[in-house]
Amino acid sequence: MKRSRRQWPAKDLVEVEYLDSSTSGGWQQKKDINHEPAFCRTVGYLIKKTRRSLTLAQSIGDTNDVDAIWRIPRGAILRQRHLARTWKN
């Protein structure tokens, strides 16, 4: 059955820039270690906002199932930008 765009759930598409933990393995010289957190930029559908975090999904199915979830702590967020509002039901 082919579905029209109107039957899909409406969600906000956002871009979030944030600092994240990073790691490296193996022996290294102390002078060569990068002591800065990783800068990340993620684009996804905004699933939920709470006082402590944003939850984004990479994909949303027509049944409202979601895939590839990012939970980004608010304290790590540098910038959030609204890109678009997807189609409405």
C-alpha atoms as a PDB file:
ATOM      1  CA  MET A   1       0.000   0.000   0.000  1.00  0.00           C
ATOM      2  CA  LYS A   2       1.422   3.371  -0.996  1.00  0.00           C
ATOM      3  CA  ARG A   3       1.202   6.017   1.710  1.00  0.00           C
ATOM      4  CA  SER A   4       0.840   9.725   1.190  1.00  0.00           C
ATOM      5  CA  ARG A   5       3.005  12.272   2.982  1.00  0.00           C
ATOM      6  CA  ARG A   6       0.019  13.371   5.059  1.00  0.00           C
ATOM      7  CA  GLN A   7      -0.023  10.068   6.933  1.00  0.00           C
ATOM      8  CA  TRP A   8       3.489  10.467   8.332  1.00  0.00           C
ATOM      9  CA  PRO A   9       4.094  11.910  11.805  1.00  0.00           C
ATOM     10  CA  ALA A  10       5.158  15.555  11.953  1.00  0.00           C
ATOM     11  CA  LYS A  11       8.568  16.206  13.534  1.00  0.00           C
ATOM     12  CA  ASP A  12      11.092  19.032  13.713  1.00  0.00           C
ATOM     13  CA  LEU A  13      14.378  18.533  11.889  1.00  0.00           C
ATOM     14  CA  VAL A  14      17.232  20.078  13.894  1.00  0.00           C
ATOM     15  CA  GLU A  15      21.005  20.469  13.804  1.00  0.00           C
ATOM     16  CA  VAL A  16      22.809  20.232  17.137  1.00  0.00           C
ATOM     17  CA  GLU A  17      26.451  21.167  17.763  1.00  0.00           C
ATOM     18  CA  TYR A  18      27.897  19.733  20.959  1.00  0.00           C
ATOM     19  CA  LEU A  19      31.022  18.592  22.748  1.00  0.00           C
ATOM     20  CA  ASP A  20      31.470  14.867  23.266  1.00  0.00           C
ATOM     21  CA  SER A  21      33.831  12.505  25.009  1.00  0.00           C
ATOM     22  CA  SER A  22      36.546  10.899  22.936  1.00  0.00           C
ATOM     23  CA  THR A  23      39.076   8.166  23.417  1.00  0.00           C
ATOM     24  CA  SER A  24      42.159   6.752  21.768  1.00  0.00           C
ATOM     25  CA  GLY A  25      43.879   3.457  22.317  1.00  0.00           C
ATOM     26  CA  GLY A  26      47.457   2.308  22.484  1.00  0.00           C
ATOM     27  CA  TRP A  27      50.598   3.890  23.862  1.00  0.00           C
ATOM     28  CA  GLN A  28      51.165   7.579  23.156  1.00  0.00           C
ATOM     29  CA  GLN A  29      53.603  10.262  24.089  1.00  0.00           C
ATOM     30  CA  LYS A  30      52.056  12.698  26.595  1.00  0.00           C
ATOM     31  CA  LYS A  31      53.002  15.610  24.345  1.00  0.00           C
ATOM     32  CA  ASP A  32      50.930  14.115  21.488  1.00  0.00           C
ATOM     33  CA  ILE A  33      47.690  13.682  23.448  1.00  0.00           C
ATOM     34  CA  ASN A  34      44.754  15.864  22.405  1.00  0.00           C
ATOM     35  CA  HIS A  35      43.167  17.137  25.621  1.00  0.00           C
ATOM     36  CA  GLU A  36      40.127  18.770  24.010  1.00  0.00           C
ATOM     37  CA  PRO A  37      36.673  17.172  23.804  1.00  0.00           C
ATOM     38  CA  ALA A  38      35.405  16.137  20.383  1.00  0.00           C
ATOM     39  CA  PHE A  39      33.294  18.714  18.522  1.00  0.00           C
ATOM     40  CA  CYS A  40      30.235  17.057  16.951  1.00  0.00           C
ATOM     41  CA  ARG A  41      27.421  18.160  14.679  1.00  0.00           C
ATOM     42  CA  THR A  42      24.341  15.968  14.347  1.00  0.00           C
ATOM     43  CA  VAL A  43      21.201  16.419  12.249  1.00  0.00           C
ATOM     44  CA  GLY A  44      18.064  14.493  13.134  1.00  0.00           C
ATOM     45  CA  TYR A  45      14.373  14.471  13.956  1.00  0.00           C
ATOM     46  CA  LEU A  46      13.655  15.919  17.397  1.00  0.00           C
ATOM     47  CA  ILE A  47      11.866  13.163  19.315  1.00  0.00           C
ATOM     48  CA  LYS A  48      11.890  14.603  22.833  1.00  0.00           C
ATOM     49  CA  LYS A  49      13.208  17.591  24.791  1.00  0.00           C
ATOM     50  CA  THR A  50      13.726  17.347  28.538  1.00  0.00           C
ATOM     51  CA  ARG A  51      15.400  19.587  31.073  1.00  0.00           C
ATOM     52  CA  ARG A  52      18.508  17.399  30.848  1.00  0.00           C
ATOM     53  CA  SER A  53      18.734  16.239  27.222  1.00  0.00           C
ATOM     54  CA  LEU A  54      17.587  16.286  23.604  1.00  0.00           C
ATOM     55  CA  THR A  55      16.701  13.023  21.873  1.00  0.00           C
ATOM     56  CA  LEU A  56      17.072  12.841  18.092  1.00  0.00           C
ATOM     57  CA  ALA A  57      16.338  10.048  15.619  1.00  0.00           C
ATOM     58  CA  GLN A  58      17.942   9.488  12.236  1.00  0.00           C
ATOM     59  CA  SER A  59      14.867   7.840  10.735  1.00  0.00           C
ATOM     60  CA  ILE A  60      11.122   7.710  11.450  1.00  0.00           C
ATOM     61  CA  GLY A  61       8.767   5.128  10.002  1.00  0.00           C
ATOM     62  CA  ASP A  62       5.128   5.758   9.112  1.00  0.00           C
ATOM     63  CA  THR A  63       4.145   3.789  12.220  1.00  0.00           C
ATOM     64  CA  ASN A  64       6.161   6.322  14.306  1.00  0.00           C
ATOM     65  CA  ASP A  65       8.931   3.773  14.996  1.00  0.00           C
ATOM     66  CA  VAL A  66      12.366   5.397  15.159  1.00  0.00           C
ATOM     67  CA  ASP A  67      15.930   4.308  14.356  1.00  0.00           C
ATOM     68  CA  ALA A  68      19.459   5.463  15.267  1.00  0.00           C
ATOM     69  CA  ILE A  69      18.813   7.427  18.469  1.00  0.00           C
ATOM     70  CA  TRP A  70      21.076  10.175  19.860  1.00  0.00           C
ATOM     71  CA  ARG A  71      20.620  11.388  23.429  1.00  0.00           C
ATOM     72  CA  ILE A  72      22.606  14.582  23.841  1.00  0.00           C
ATOM     73  CA  PRO A  73      23.006  16.088  27.328  1.00  0.00           C
ATOM     74  CA  ARG A  74      21.941  19.760  27.459  1.00  0.00           C
ATOM     75  CA  GLY A  75      25.190  20.685  29.214  1.00  0.00           C
ATOM     76  CA  ALA A  76      27.189  19.527  26.175  1.00  0.00           C
ATOM     77  CA  ILE A  77      25.151  21.485  23.600  1.00  0.00           C
ATOM     78  CA  LEU A  78      26.847  24.524  22.092  1.00  0.00           C
ATOM     79  CA  ARG A  79      24.175  25.411  19.545  1.00  0.00           C
ATOM     80  CA  GLN A  80      20.837  24.124  18.313  1.00  0.00           C
ATOM     81  CA  ARG A  81      19.323  25.191  14.997  1.00  0.00           C
ATOM     82  CA  HIS A  82      15.847  24.456  13.667  1.00  0.00           C
ATOM     83  CA  LEU A  83      16.106  23.330  10.027  1.00  0.00           C
ATOM     84  CA  ALA A  84      12.532  22.420   9.079  1.00  0.00           C
ATOM     85  CA  ARG A  85       9.183  21.108  10.208  1.00  0.00           C
ATOM     86  CA  THR A  86       8.287  17.932   8.368  1.00  0.00           C
ATOM     87  CA  TRP A  87       4.862  17.367   6.889  1.00  0.00           C
ATOM     88  CA  LYS A  88       1.850  17.308   9.166  1.00  0.00           C
ATOM     89  CA  ASN A  89      -0.609  14.477   9.705  1.00  0.00           C
END
